[in-house]
């Protein structure tokens, strides 16, 4: 949790590097596109860290209430190998795989 929080703080504190500051409104399209791309990358990186922190906090709550290691979807135990790799996992491999297939449009 601390490592991820520090990474998020660093992303926020760094802001945009000076060479990627958004150019004047009527500036070169390439410069504008580059600045927008850099901002988009930083935003996505920050959001990713926020999502991980949220998942970590949820896992800590589950430890506190005795439900850590139980899949939020099916209620079965989450595989220990999965929890070793991703201690804040909230779904077992089966449920996570099913959700990914549905999100990709592979299942109905």
PDB file of N, CA and C in Angstrom:
ATOM      1  N   UNK A   1       0.833  -1.188   0.000  1.00  0.00           N
ATOM      2  CA  UNK A   1       0.000   0.000   0.000  1.00  0.00           C
ATOM      3  C   UNK A   1       0.870   1.240   0.000  1.00  0.00           C
ATOM      4  N   UNK A   2       1.904   1.266   0.847  1.00  0.00           N
ATOM      5  CA  UNK A   2       2.776   2.443   0.919  1.00  0.00           C
ATOM      6  C   UNK A   2       3.510   2.679  -0.392  1.00  0.00           C
ATOM      7  N   UNK A   3       4.009   1.617  -1.000  1.00  0.00           N
ATOM      8  CA  UNK A   3       4.743   1.755  -2.262  1.00  0.00           C
ATOM      9  C   UNK A   3       3.829   2.333  -3.345  1.00  0.00           C
ATOM     10  N   UNK A   4       2.628   1.813  -3.459  1.00  0.00           N
ATOM     11  CA  UNK A   4       1.696   2.303  -4.475  1.00  0.00           C
ATOM     12  C   UNK A   4       1.288   3.742  -4.185  1.00  0.00           C
ATOM     13  N   UNK A   5       1.085   4.070  -2.917  1.00  0.00           N
ATOM     14  CA  UNK A   5       0.738   5.450  -2.551  1.00  0.00           C
ATOM     15  C   UNK A   5       1.876   6.402  -2.913  1.00  0.00           C
ATOM     16  N   UNK A   6       3.117   5.982  -2.678  1.00  0.00           N
ATOM     17  CA  UNK A   6       4.271   6.825  -3.034  1.00  0.00           C
ATOM     18  C   UNK A   6       4.367   7.007  -4.553  1.00  0.00           C
ATOM     19  N   UNK A   7       4.093   5.943  -5.293  1.00  0.00           N
ATOM     20  CA  UNK A   7       4.123   6.042  -6.757  1.00  0.00           C
ATOM     21  C   UNK A   7       3.078   7.044  -7.240  1.00  0.00           C
ATOM     22  N   UNK A   8       1.888   6.993  -6.654  1.00  0.00           N
ATOM     23  CA  UNK A   8       0.835   7.924  -7.032  1.00  0.00           C
ATOM     24  C   UNK A   8       1.224   9.354  -6.672  1.00  0.00           C
ATOM     25  N   UNK A   9       1.779   9.540  -5.495  1.00  0.00           N
ATOM     26  CA  UNK A   9       2.236  10.874  -5.082  1.00  0.00           C
ATOM     27  C   UNK A   9       3.277  11.417  -6.057  1.00  0.00           C
ATOM     28  N   UNK A  10       4.194  10.552  -6.489  1.00  0.00           N
ATOM     29  CA  UNK A  10       5.235  10.968  -7.422  1.00  0.00           C
ATOM     30  C   UNK A  10       4.643  11.374  -8.770  1.00  0.00           C
ATOM     31  N   UNK A  11       3.660  10.608  -9.237  1.00  0.00           N
ATOM     32  CA  UNK A  11       3.009  10.930 -10.507  1.00  0.00           C
ATOM     33  C   UNK A  11       2.336  12.296 -10.419  1.00  0.00           C
ATOM     34  N   UNK A  12       1.626  12.534  -9.324  1.00  0.00           N
ATOM     35  CA  UNK A  12       0.920  13.807  -9.144  1.00  0.00           C
ATOM     36  C   UNK A  12       1.920  14.949  -8.995  1.00  0.00           C
ATOM     37  N   UNK A  13       2.962  14.736  -8.198  1.00  0.00           N
ATOM     38  CA  UNK A  13       3.951  15.788  -7.940  1.00  0.00           C
ATOM     39  C   UNK A  13       4.747  16.135  -9.199  1.00  0.00           C
ATOM     40  N   UNK A  14       5.034  15.138 -10.006  1.00  0.00           N
ATOM     41  CA  UNK A  14       5.825  15.375 -11.213  1.00  0.00           C
ATOM     42  C   UNK A  14       5.072  16.217 -12.225  1.00  0.00           C
ATOM     43  N   UNK A  15       3.773  16.040 -12.304  1.00  0.00           N
ATOM     44  CA  UNK A  15       3.009  16.774 -13.302  1.00  0.00           C
ATOM     45  C   UNK A  15       3.550  16.474 -14.680  1.00  0.00           C
ATOM     46  N   UNK A  16       3.436  17.411 -15.567  1.00  0.00           N
ATOM     47  CA  UNK A  16       3.991  17.254 -16.912  1.00  0.00           C
ATOM     48  C   UNK A  16       5.413  17.785 -16.948  1.00  0.00           C
ATOM     49  N   UNK A  17       6.328  17.027 -17.527  1.00  0.00           N
ATOM     50  CA  UNK A  17       7.675  17.568 -17.695  1.00  0.00           C
ATOM     51  C   UNK A  17       7.615  18.856 -18.513  1.00  0.00           C
ATOM     52  N   UNK A  18       8.542  19.762 -18.266  1.00  0.00           N
ATOM     53  CA  UNK A  18       8.501  21.075 -18.917  1.00  0.00           C
ATOM     54  C   UNK A  18       8.495  20.978 -20.435  1.00  0.00           C
ATOM     55  N   UNK A  19       9.160  19.977 -21.003  1.00  0.00           N
ATOM     56  CA  UNK A  19       9.196  19.894 -22.462  1.00  0.00           C
ATOM     57  C   UNK A  19       7.869  19.414 -23.053  1.00  0.00           C
ATOM     58  N   UNK A  20       6.927  18.962 -22.202  1.00  0.00           N
ATOM     59  CA  UNK A  20       5.640  18.524 -22.735  1.00  0.00           C
ATOM     60  C   UNK A  20       4.506  19.456 -22.313  1.00  0.00           C
ATOM     61  N   UNK A  21       4.831  20.645 -21.871  1.00  0.00           N
ATOM     62  CA  UNK A  21       3.780  21.608 -21.554  1.00  0.00           C
ATOM     63  C   UNK A  21       2.944  21.848 -22.797  1.00  0.00           C
ATOM     64  N   UNK A  22       1.654  22.004 -22.612  1.00  0.00           N
ATOM     65  CA  UNK A  22       0.765  22.188 -23.753  1.00  0.00           C
ATOM     66  C   UNK A  22       1.123  23.484 -24.459  1.00  0.00           C
ATOM     67  N   UNK A  23       1.392  23.408 -25.772  1.00  0.00           N
ATOM     68  CA  UNK A  23       1.770  24.602 -26.529  1.00  0.00           C
ATOM     69  C   UNK A  23       0.575  25.535 -26.715  1.00  0.00           C
ATOM     70  N   UNK A  24       0.844  26.691 -27.244  1.00  0.00           N
ATOM     71  CA  UNK A  24      -0.200  27.677 -27.498  1.00  0.00           C
ATOM     72  C   UNK A  24      -1.310  27.057 -28.336  1.00  0.00           C
ATOM     73  N   UNK A  25      -2.502  27.579 -28.189  1.00  0.00           N
ATOM     74  CA  UNK A  25      -3.677  27.041 -28.869  1.00  0.00           C
ATOM     75  C   UNK A  25      -3.445  26.900 -30.371  1.00  0.00           C
ATOM     76  N   UNK A  26      -2.784  27.853 -30.980  1.00  0.00           N
ATOM     77  CA  UNK A  26      -2.568  27.803 -32.421  1.00  0.00           C
ATOM     78  C   UNK A  26      -1.175  27.284 -32.762  1.00  0.00           C
ATOM     79  N   UNK A  27      -0.580  26.506 -31.853  1.00  0.00           N
ATOM     80  CA  UNK A  27       0.754  25.968 -32.079  1.00  0.00           C
ATOM     81  C   UNK A  27       0.729  24.819 -33.068  1.00  0.00           C
ATOM     82  N   UNK A  28       1.883  24.222 -33.233  1.00  0.00           N
ATOM     83  CA  UNK A  28       2.074  23.102 -34.133  1.00  0.00           C
ATOM     84  C   UNK A  28       1.192  21.928 -33.706  1.00  0.00           C
ATOM     85  N   UNK A  29       0.472  21.316 -34.649  1.00  0.00           N
ATOM     86  CA  UNK A  29      -0.431  20.205 -34.334  1.00  0.00           C
ATOM     87  C   UNK A  29       0.324  19.030 -33.719  1.00  0.00           C
ATOM     88  N   UNK A  30       1.526  18.788 -34.218  1.00  0.00           N
ATOM     89  CA  UNK A  30       2.331  17.698 -33.671  1.00  0.00           C
ATOM     90  C   UNK A  30       2.680  17.925 -32.218  1.00  0.00           C
ATOM     91  N   UNK A  31       3.016  19.168 -31.869  1.00  0.00           N
ATOM     92  CA  UNK A  31       3.328  19.493 -30.476  1.00  0.00           C
ATOM     93  C   UNK A  31       2.104  19.311 -29.592  1.00  0.00           C
ATOM     94  N   UNK A  32       0.966  19.780 -30.089  1.00  0.00           N
ATOM     95  CA  UNK A  32      -0.275  19.645 -29.327  1.00  0.00           C
ATOM     96  C   UNK A  32      -0.608  18.167 -29.136  1.00  0.00           C
ATOM     97  N   UNK A  33      -0.506  17.383 -30.209  1.00  0.00           N
ATOM     98  CA  UNK A  33      -0.804  15.954 -30.119  1.00  0.00           C
ATOM     99  C   UNK A  33       0.142  15.266 -29.140  1.00  0.00           C
ATOM    100  N   UNK A  34       1.418  15.627 -29.179  1.00  0.00           N
ATOM    101  CA  UNK A  34       2.391  15.038 -28.243  1.00  0.00           C
ATOM    102  C   UNK A  34       2.069  15.384 -26.808  1.00  0.00           C
ATOM    103  N   UNK A  35       1.698  16.626 -26.557  1.00  0.00           N
ATOM    104  CA  UNK A  35       1.364  17.061 -25.199  1.00  0.00           C
ATOM    105  C   UNK A  35       0.112  16.360 -24.706  1.00  0.00           C
ATOM    106  N   UNK A  36      -0.875  16.227 -25.569  1.00  0.00           N
ATOM    107  CA  UNK A  36      -2.115  15.546 -25.184  1.00  0.00           C
ATOM    108  C   UNK A  36      -1.832  14.075 -24.900  1.00  0.00           C
ATOM    109  N   UNK A  37      -0.995  13.457 -25.728  1.00  0.00           N
ATOM    110  CA  UNK A  37      -0.635  12.054 -25.517  1.00  0.00           C
ATOM    111  C   UNK A  37       0.068  11.871 -24.167  1.00  0.00           C
ATOM    112  N   UNK A  38       1.019  12.741 -23.860  1.00  0.00           N
ATOM    113  CA  UNK A  38       1.749  12.651 -22.584  1.00  0.00           C
ATOM    114  C   UNK A  38       0.804  12.826 -21.403  1.00  0.00           C
ATOM    115  N   UNK A  39      -0.096  13.773 -21.500  1.00  0.00           N
ATOM    116  CA  UNK A  39      -1.072  14.001 -20.430  1.00  0.00           C
ATOM    117  C   UNK A  39      -1.969  12.781 -20.268  1.00  0.00           C
ATOM    118  N   UNK A  40      -2.377  12.194 -21.369  1.00  0.00           N
ATOM    119  CA  UNK A  40      -3.222  11.008 -21.337  1.00  0.00           C
ATOM    120  C   UNK A  40      -2.503   9.837 -20.661  1.00  0.00           C
ATOM    121  N   UNK A  41      -1.213   9.649 -20.982  1.00  0.00           N
ATOM    122  CA  UNK A  41      -0.426   8.583 -20.356  1.00  0.00           C
ATOM    123  C   UNK A  41      -0.326   8.785 -18.856  1.00  0.00           C
ATOM    124  N   UNK A  42      -0.037  10.023 -18.424  1.00  0.00           N
ATOM    125  CA  UNK A  42       0.098  10.309 -16.995  1.00  0.00           C
ATOM    126  C   UNK A  42      -1.224  10.116 -16.261  1.00  0.00           C
ATOM    127  N   UNK A  43      -2.307  10.510 -16.903  1.00  0.00           N
ATOM    128  CA  UNK A  43      -3.633  10.340 -16.297  1.00  0.00           C
ATOM    129  C   UNK A  43      -3.947   8.861 -16.124  1.00  0.00           C
ATOM    130  N   UNK A  44      -3.674   8.066 -17.150  1.00  0.00           N
ATOM    131  CA  UNK A  44      -3.928   6.630 -17.076  1.00  0.00           C
ATOM    132  C   UNK A  44      -3.053   5.972 -16.018  1.00  0.00           C
ATOM    133  N   UNK A  45      -1.807   6.376 -15.944  1.00  0.00           N
ATOM    134  CA  UNK A  45      -0.893   5.835 -14.945  1.00  0.00           C
ATOM    135  C   UNK A  45      -1.388   6.162 -13.541  1.00  0.00           C
ATOM    136  N   UNK A  46      -1.801   7.400 -13.330  1.00  0.00           N
ATOM    137  CA  UNK A  46      -2.333   7.801 -12.023  1.00  0.00           C
ATOM    138  C   UNK A  46      -3.602   7.048 -11.681  1.00  0.00           C
ATOM    139  N   UNK A  47      -4.507   6.898 -12.652  1.00  0.00           N
ATOM    140  CA  UNK A  47      -5.753   6.177 -12.409  1.00  0.00           C
ATOM    141  C   UNK A  47      -5.476   4.716 -12.079  1.00  0.00           C
ATOM    142  N   UNK A  48      -4.493   4.137 -12.736  1.00  0.00           N
ATOM    143  CA  UNK A  48      -4.122   2.757 -12.435  1.00  0.00           C
ATOM    144  C   UNK A  48      -3.677   2.596 -10.987  1.00  0.00           C
ATOM    145  N   UNK A  49      -2.890   3.557 -10.504  1.00  0.00           N
ATOM    146  CA  UNK A  49      -2.434   3.505  -9.110  1.00  0.00           C
ATOM    147  C   UNK A  49      -3.604   3.699  -8.148  1.00  0.00           C
ATOM    148  N   UNK A  50      -4.544   4.568  -8.503  1.00  0.00           N
ATOM    149  CA  UNK A  50      -5.731   4.768  -7.662  1.00  0.00           C
ATOM    150  C   UNK A  50      -6.542   3.471  -7.594  1.00  0.00           C
ATOM    151  N   UNK A  51      -6.702   2.799  -8.723  1.00  0.00           N
ATOM    152  CA  UNK A  51      -7.443   1.537  -8.757  1.00  0.00           C
ATOM    153  C   UNK A  51      -6.768   0.485  -7.876  1.00  0.00           C
ATOM    154  N   UNK A  52      -5.445   0.407  -7.940  1.00  0.00           N
ATOM    155  CA  UNK A  52      -4.713  -0.559  -7.117  1.00  0.00           C
ATOM    156  C   UNK A  52      -4.858  -0.215  -5.637  1.00  0.00           C
ATOM    157  N   UNK A  53      -4.728   1.065  -5.282  1.00  0.00           N
ATOM    158  CA  UNK A  53      -4.902   1.460  -3.880  1.00  0.00           C
ATOM    159  C   UNK A  53      -6.292   1.110  -3.371  1.00  0.00           C
ATOM    160  N   UNK A  54      -7.295   1.306  -4.197  1.00  0.00           N
ATOM    161  CA  UNK A  54      -8.663   0.950  -3.812  1.00  0.00           C
ATOM    162  C   UNK A  54      -8.772  -0.549  -3.566  1.00  0.00           C
ATOM    163  N   UNK A  55      -8.178  -1.353  -4.436  1.00  0.00           N
ATOM    164  CA  UNK A  55      -8.207  -2.804  -4.276  1.00  0.00           C
ATOM    165  C   UNK A  55      -7.448  -3.239  -3.024  1.00  0.00           C
ATOM    166  N   UNK A  56      -6.337  -2.580  -2.741  1.00  0.00           N
ATOM    167  CA  UNK A  56      -5.561  -2.897  -1.528  1.00  0.00           C
ATOM    168  C   UNK A  56      -6.386  -2.577  -0.288  1.00  0.00           C
ATOM    169  N   UNK A  57      -7.026  -1.421  -0.273  1.00  0.00           N
ATOM    170  CA  UNK A  57      -7.868  -1.044   0.879  1.00  0.00           C
ATOM    171  C   UNK A  57      -8.998  -2.047   1.068  1.00  0.00           C
ATOM    172  N   UNK A  58      -9.593  -2.498  -0.031  1.00  0.00           N
ATOM    173  CA  UNK A  58     -10.667  -3.498   0.039  1.00  0.00           C
ATOM    174  C   UNK A  58     -10.130  -4.803   0.611  1.00  0.00           C
ATOM    175  N   UNK A  59      -8.938  -5.215   0.193  1.00  0.00           N
ATOM    176  CA  UNK A  59      -8.338  -6.446   0.715  1.00  0.00           C
ATOM    177  C   UNK A  59      -8.072  -6.323   2.213  1.00  0.00           C
ATOM    178  N   UNK A  60      -7.619  -5.156   2.664  1.00  0.00           N
ATOM    179  CA  UNK A  60      -7.382  -4.944   4.095  1.00  0.00           C
ATOM    180  C   UNK A  60      -8.692  -5.041   4.876  1.00  0.00           C
ATOM    181  N   UNK A  61      -9.765  -4.471   4.321  1.00  0.00           N
ATOM    182  CA  UNK A  61     -11.084  -4.590   4.952  1.00  0.00           C
ATOM    183  C   UNK A  61     -11.496  -6.057   5.065  1.00  0.00           C
ATOM    184  N   UNK A  62     -11.222  -6.829   4.007  1.00  0.00           N
ATOM    185  CA  UNK A  62     -11.577  -8.241   4.014  1.00  0.00           C
ATOM    186  C   UNK A  62     -10.763  -9.017   5.058  1.00  0.00           C
ATOM    187  N   UNK A  63      -9.503  -8.632   5.243  1.00  0.00           N
ATOM    188  CA  UNK A  63      -8.695  -9.259   6.300  1.00  0.00           C
ATOM    189  C   UNK A  63      -9.340  -8.956   7.653  1.00  0.00           C
ATOM    190  N   UNK A  64      -9.710  -7.698   7.851  1.00  0.00           N
ATOM    191  CA  UNK A  64     -10.303  -7.274   9.123  1.00  0.00           C
ATOM    192  C   UNK A  64     -11.623  -7.982   9.416  1.00  0.00           C
ATOM    193  N   UNK A  65     -12.444  -8.229   8.374  1.00  0.00           N
ATOM    194  CA  UNK A  65     -13.746  -8.851   8.634  1.00  0.00           C
ATOM    195  C   UNK A  65     -13.741 -10.367   8.417  1.00  0.00           C
ATOM    196  N   UNK A  66     -12.560 -10.936   8.128  1.00  0.00           N
ATOM    197  CA  UNK A  66     -12.428 -12.384   8.021  1.00  0.00           C
ATOM    198  C   UNK A  66     -12.812 -12.983   6.676  1.00  0.00           C
ATOM    199  N   UNK A  67     -12.999 -12.148   5.661  1.00  0.00           N
ATOM    200  CA  UNK A  67     -13.400 -12.686   4.360  1.00  0.00           C
ATOM    201  C   UNK A  67     -12.288 -12.623   3.314  1.00  0.00           C
ATOM    202  N   UNK A  68     -11.056 -12.351   3.752  1.00  0.00           N
ATOM    203  CA  UNK A  68      -9.941 -12.290   2.807  1.00  0.00           C
ATOM    204  C   UNK A  68      -9.742 -13.650   2.170  1.00  0.00           C
ATOM    205  N   UNK A  69      -9.500 -13.657   0.851  1.00  0.00           N
ATOM    206  CA  UNK A  69      -9.249 -14.896   0.125  1.00  0.00           C
ATOM    207  C   UNK A  69     -10.518 -15.543  -0.402  1.00  0.00           C
ATOM    208  N   UNK A  70     -11.662 -14.881  -0.213  1.00  0.00           N
ATOM    209  CA  UNK A  70     -12.934 -15.385  -0.715  1.00  0.00           C
ATOM    210  C   UNK A  70     -13.321 -14.549  -1.940  1.00  0.00           C
ATOM    211  N   UNK A  71     -13.694 -15.226  -3.014  1.00  0.00           N
ATOM    212  CA  UNK A  71     -14.072 -14.553  -4.263  1.00  0.00           C
ATOM    213  C   UNK A  71     -15.333 -13.721  -4.053  1.00  0.00           C
ATOM    214  N   UNK A  72     -15.274 -12.460  -4.476  1.00  0.00           N
ATOM    215  CA  UNK A  72     -16.428 -11.568  -4.366  1.00  0.00           C
ATOM    216  C   UNK A  72     -17.582 -12.014  -5.264  1.00  0.00           C
ATOM    217  N   UNK A  73     -17.282 -12.752  -6.323  1.00  0.00           N
ATOM    218  CA  UNK A  73     -18.321 -13.148  -7.275  1.00  0.00           C
ATOM    219  C   UNK A  73     -19.013 -14.454  -6.904  1.00  0.00           C
ATOM    220  N   UNK A  74     -18.226 -15.509  -6.657  1.00  0.00           N
ATOM    221  CA  UNK A  74     -18.829 -16.830  -6.445  1.00  0.00           C
ATOM    222  C   UNK A  74     -18.800 -17.296  -4.987  1.00  0.00           C
ATOM    223  N   UNK A  75     -17.987 -16.643  -4.152  1.00  0.00           N
ATOM    224  CA  UNK A  75     -17.919 -17.027  -2.744  1.00  0.00           C
ATOM    225  C   UNK A  75     -16.994 -18.184  -2.443  1.00  0.00           C
ATOM    226  N   UNK A  76     -16.311 -18.712  -3.456  1.00  0.00           N
ATOM    227  CA  UNK A  76     -15.354 -19.791  -3.245  1.00  0.00           C
ATOM    228  C   UNK A  76     -13.982 -19.206  -2.921  1.00  0.00           C
ATOM    229  N   UNK A  77     -13.099 -20.016  -2.343  1.00  0.00           N
ATOM    230  CA  UNK A  77     -11.753 -19.511  -2.042  1.00  0.00           C
ATOM    231  C   UNK A  77     -10.991 -19.109  -3.307  1.00  0.00           C
ATOM    232  N   UNK A  78     -10.237 -18.032  -3.195  1.00  0.00           N
ATOM    233  CA  UNK A  78      -9.342 -17.608  -4.276  1.00  0.00           C
ATOM    234  C   UNK A  78      -8.081 -18.458  -4.163  1.00  0.00           C
ATOM    235  N   UNK A  79      -7.583 -18.922  -5.288  1.00  0.00           N
ATOM    236  CA  UNK A  79      -6.411 -19.784  -5.312  1.00  0.00           C
ATOM    237  C   UNK A  79      -5.230 -19.112  -4.607  1.00  0.00           C
ATOM    238  N   UNK A  80      -4.525 -19.866  -3.764  1.00  0.00           N
ATOM    239  CA  UNK A  80      -3.408 -19.305  -2.997  1.00  0.00           C
ATOM    240  C   UNK A  80      -2.304 -18.784  -3.915  1.00  0.00           C
ATOM    241  N   UNK A  81      -2.095 -19.468  -5.052  1.00  0.00           N
ATOM    242  CA  UNK A  81      -1.088 -18.995  -6.008  1.00  0.00           C
ATOM    243  C   UNK A  81      -1.445 -17.613  -6.535  1.00  0.00           C
ATOM    244  N   UNK A  82      -2.742 -17.401  -6.779  1.00  0.00           N
ATOM    245  CA  UNK A  82      -3.205 -16.100  -7.272  1.00  0.00           C
ATOM    246  C   UNK A  82      -2.976 -15.022  -6.216  1.00  0.00           C
ATOM    247  N   UNK A  83      -3.284 -15.340  -4.966  1.00  0.00           N
ATOM    248  CA  UNK A  83      -3.100 -14.360  -3.882  1.00  0.00           C
ATOM    249  C   UNK A  83      -1.625 -14.063  -3.625  1.00  0.00           C
ATOM    250  N   UNK A  84      -0.751 -15.040  -3.877  1.00  0.00           N
ATOM    251  CA  UNK A  84       0.685 -14.781  -3.728  1.00  0.00           C
ATOM    252  C   UNK A  84       1.152 -13.758  -4.752  1.00  0.00           C
ATOM    253  N   UNK A  85       0.637 -13.864  -5.964  1.00  0.00           N
ATOM    254  CA  UNK A  85       1.029 -12.957  -7.045  1.00  0.00           C
ATOM    255  C   UNK A  85       0.305 -11.621  -6.929  1.00  0.00           C
ATOM    256  N   UNK A  86      -0.977 -11.669  -6.568  1.00  0.00           N
ATOM    257  CA  UNK A  86      -1.827 -10.481  -6.522  1.00  0.00           C
ATOM    258  C   UNK A  86      -2.587 -10.490  -5.193  1.00  0.00           C
ATOM    259  N   UNK A  87      -1.942 -10.059  -4.107  1.00  0.00           N
ATOM    260  CA  UNK A  87      -2.554 -10.170  -2.777  1.00  0.00           C
ATOM    261  C   UNK A  87      -3.880  -9.430  -2.628  1.00  0.00           C
ATOM    262  N   UNK A  88      -4.162  -8.503  -3.517  1.00  0.00           N
ATOM    263  CA  UNK A  88      -5.418  -7.764  -3.421  1.00  0.00           C
ATOM    264  C   UNK A  88      -6.463  -8.269  -4.412  1.00  0.00           C
ATOM    265  N   UNK A  89      -6.261  -9.482  -4.955  1.00  0.00           N
ATOM    266  CA  UNK A  89      -7.236 -10.063  -5.886  1.00  0.00           C
ATOM    267  C   UNK A  89      -8.573 -10.226  -5.170  1.00  0.00           C
ATOM    268  N   UNK A  90      -9.646  -9.892  -5.866  1.00  0.00           N
ATOM    269  CA  UNK A  90     -10.981 -10.002  -5.272  1.00  0.00           C
ATOM    270  C   UNK A  90     -11.812 -11.103  -5.920  1.00  0.00           C
ATOM    271  N   UNK A  91     -11.268 -11.728  -6.960  1.00  0.00           N
ATOM    272  CA  UNK A  91     -11.977 -12.804  -7.649  1.00  0.00           C
ATOM    273  C   UNK A  91     -11.049 -13.981  -7.883  1.00  0.00           C
ATOM    274  N   UNK A  92     -11.650 -15.167  -7.908  1.00  0.00           N
ATOM    275  CA  UNK A  92     -10.877 -16.362  -8.255  1.00  0.00           C
ATOM    276  C   UNK A  92     -10.557 -16.307  -9.752  1.00  0.00           C
ATOM    277  N   UNK A  93      -9.684 -17.177 -10.184  1.00  0.00           N
ATOM    278  CA  UNK A  93      -9.269 -17.175 -11.587  1.00  0.00           C
ATOM    279  C   UNK A  93     -10.456 -17.444 -12.508  1.00  0.00           C
ATOM    280  N   UNK A  94     -11.324 -18.362 -12.135  1.00  0.00           N
ATOM    281  CA  UNK A  94     -12.478 -18.700 -12.975  1.00  0.00           C
ATOM    282  C   UNK A  94     -13.377 -17.490 -13.185  1.00  0.00           C
ATOM    283  N   UNK A  95     -13.735 -16.799 -12.110  1.00  0.00           N
ATOM    284  CA  UNK A  95     -14.618 -15.637 -12.220  1.00  0.00           C
ATOM    285  C   UNK A  95     -13.940 -14.491 -12.966  1.00  0.00           C
ATOM    286  N   UNK A  96     -12.669 -14.258 -12.705  1.00  0.00           N
ATOM    287  CA  UNK A  96     -11.944 -13.192 -13.390  1.00  0.00           C
ATOM    288  C   UNK A  96     -11.866 -13.482 -14.892  1.00  0.00           C
ATOM    289  N   UNK A  97     -11.591 -14.729 -15.254  1.00  0.00           N
ATOM    290  CA  UNK A  97     -11.525 -15.112 -16.664  1.00  0.00           C
ATOM    291  C   UNK A  97     -12.880 -14.943 -17.338  1.00  0.00           C
ATOM    292  N   UNK A  98     -13.943 -15.334 -16.652  1.00  0.00           N
ATOM    293  CA  UNK A  98     -15.294 -15.177 -17.209  1.00  0.00           C
ATOM    294  C   UNK A  98     -15.616 -13.711 -17.426  1.00  0.00           C
ATOM    295  N   UNK A  99     -15.259 -12.868 -16.484  1.00  0.00           N
ATOM    296  CA  UNK A  99     -15.518 -11.431 -16.601  1.00  0.00           C
ATOM    297  C   UNK A  99     -14.751 -10.846 -17.789  1.00  0.00           C
ATOM    298  N   UNK A 100     -13.503 -11.274 -17.981  1.00  0.00           N
ATOM    299  CA  UNK A 100     -12.696 -10.758 -19.100  1.00  0.00           C
ATOM    300  C   UNK A 100     -13.277 -11.198 -20.436  1.00  0.00           C
ATOM    301  N   UNK A 101     -13.764 -12.445 -20.507  1.00  0.00           N
ATOM    302  CA  UNK A 101     -14.375 -12.921 -21.762  1.00  0.00           C
ATOM    303  C   UNK A 101     -15.629 -12.117 -22.067  1.00  0.00           C
ATOM    304  N   UNK A 102     -16.439 -11.831 -21.068  1.00  0.00           N
ATOM    305  CA  UNK A 102     -17.660 -11.062 -21.263  1.00  0.00           C
ATOM    306  C   UNK A 102     -17.310  -9.638 -21.714  1.00  0.00           C
ATOM    307  N   UNK A 103     -16.303  -9.035 -21.068  1.00  0.00           N
ATOM    308  CA  UNK A 103     -15.905  -7.670 -21.442  1.00  0.00           C
ATOM    309  C   UNK A 103     -15.382  -7.595 -22.867  1.00  0.00           C
ATOM    310  N   UNK A 104     -14.804  -8.696 -23.353  1.00  0.00           N
ATOM    311  CA  UNK A 104     -14.298  -8.718 -24.738  1.00  0.00           C
ATOM    312  C   UNK A 104     -15.383  -9.122 -25.723  1.00  0.00           C
ATOM    313  N   UNK A 105     -16.564  -9.473 -25.209  1.00  0.00           N
ATOM    314  CA  UNK A 105     -17.660  -9.867 -26.077  1.00  0.00           C
ATOM    315  C   UNK A 105     -17.613 -11.317 -26.488  1.00  0.00           C
ATOM    316  N   UNK A 106     -16.852 -12.138 -25.759  1.00  0.00           N
ATOM    317  CA  UNK A 106     -16.692 -13.541 -26.129  1.00  0.00           C
ATOM    318  C   UNK A 106     -17.729 -14.449 -25.532  1.00  0.00           C
ATOM    319  N   UNK A 107     -18.515 -13.987 -24.586  1.00  0.00           N
ATOM    320  CA  UNK A 107     -19.541 -14.822 -23.976  1.00  0.00           C
ATOM    321  C   UNK A 107     -20.834 -14.034 -23.914  1.00  0.00           C
ATOM    322  N   UNK A 108     -21.917 -14.748 -23.829  1.00  0.00           N
ATOM    323  CA  UNK A 108     -23.196 -14.040 -23.755  1.00  0.00           C
ATOM    324  C   UNK A 108     -23.884 -14.257 -22.445  1.00  0.00           C
TER     325      UNK A 108
END
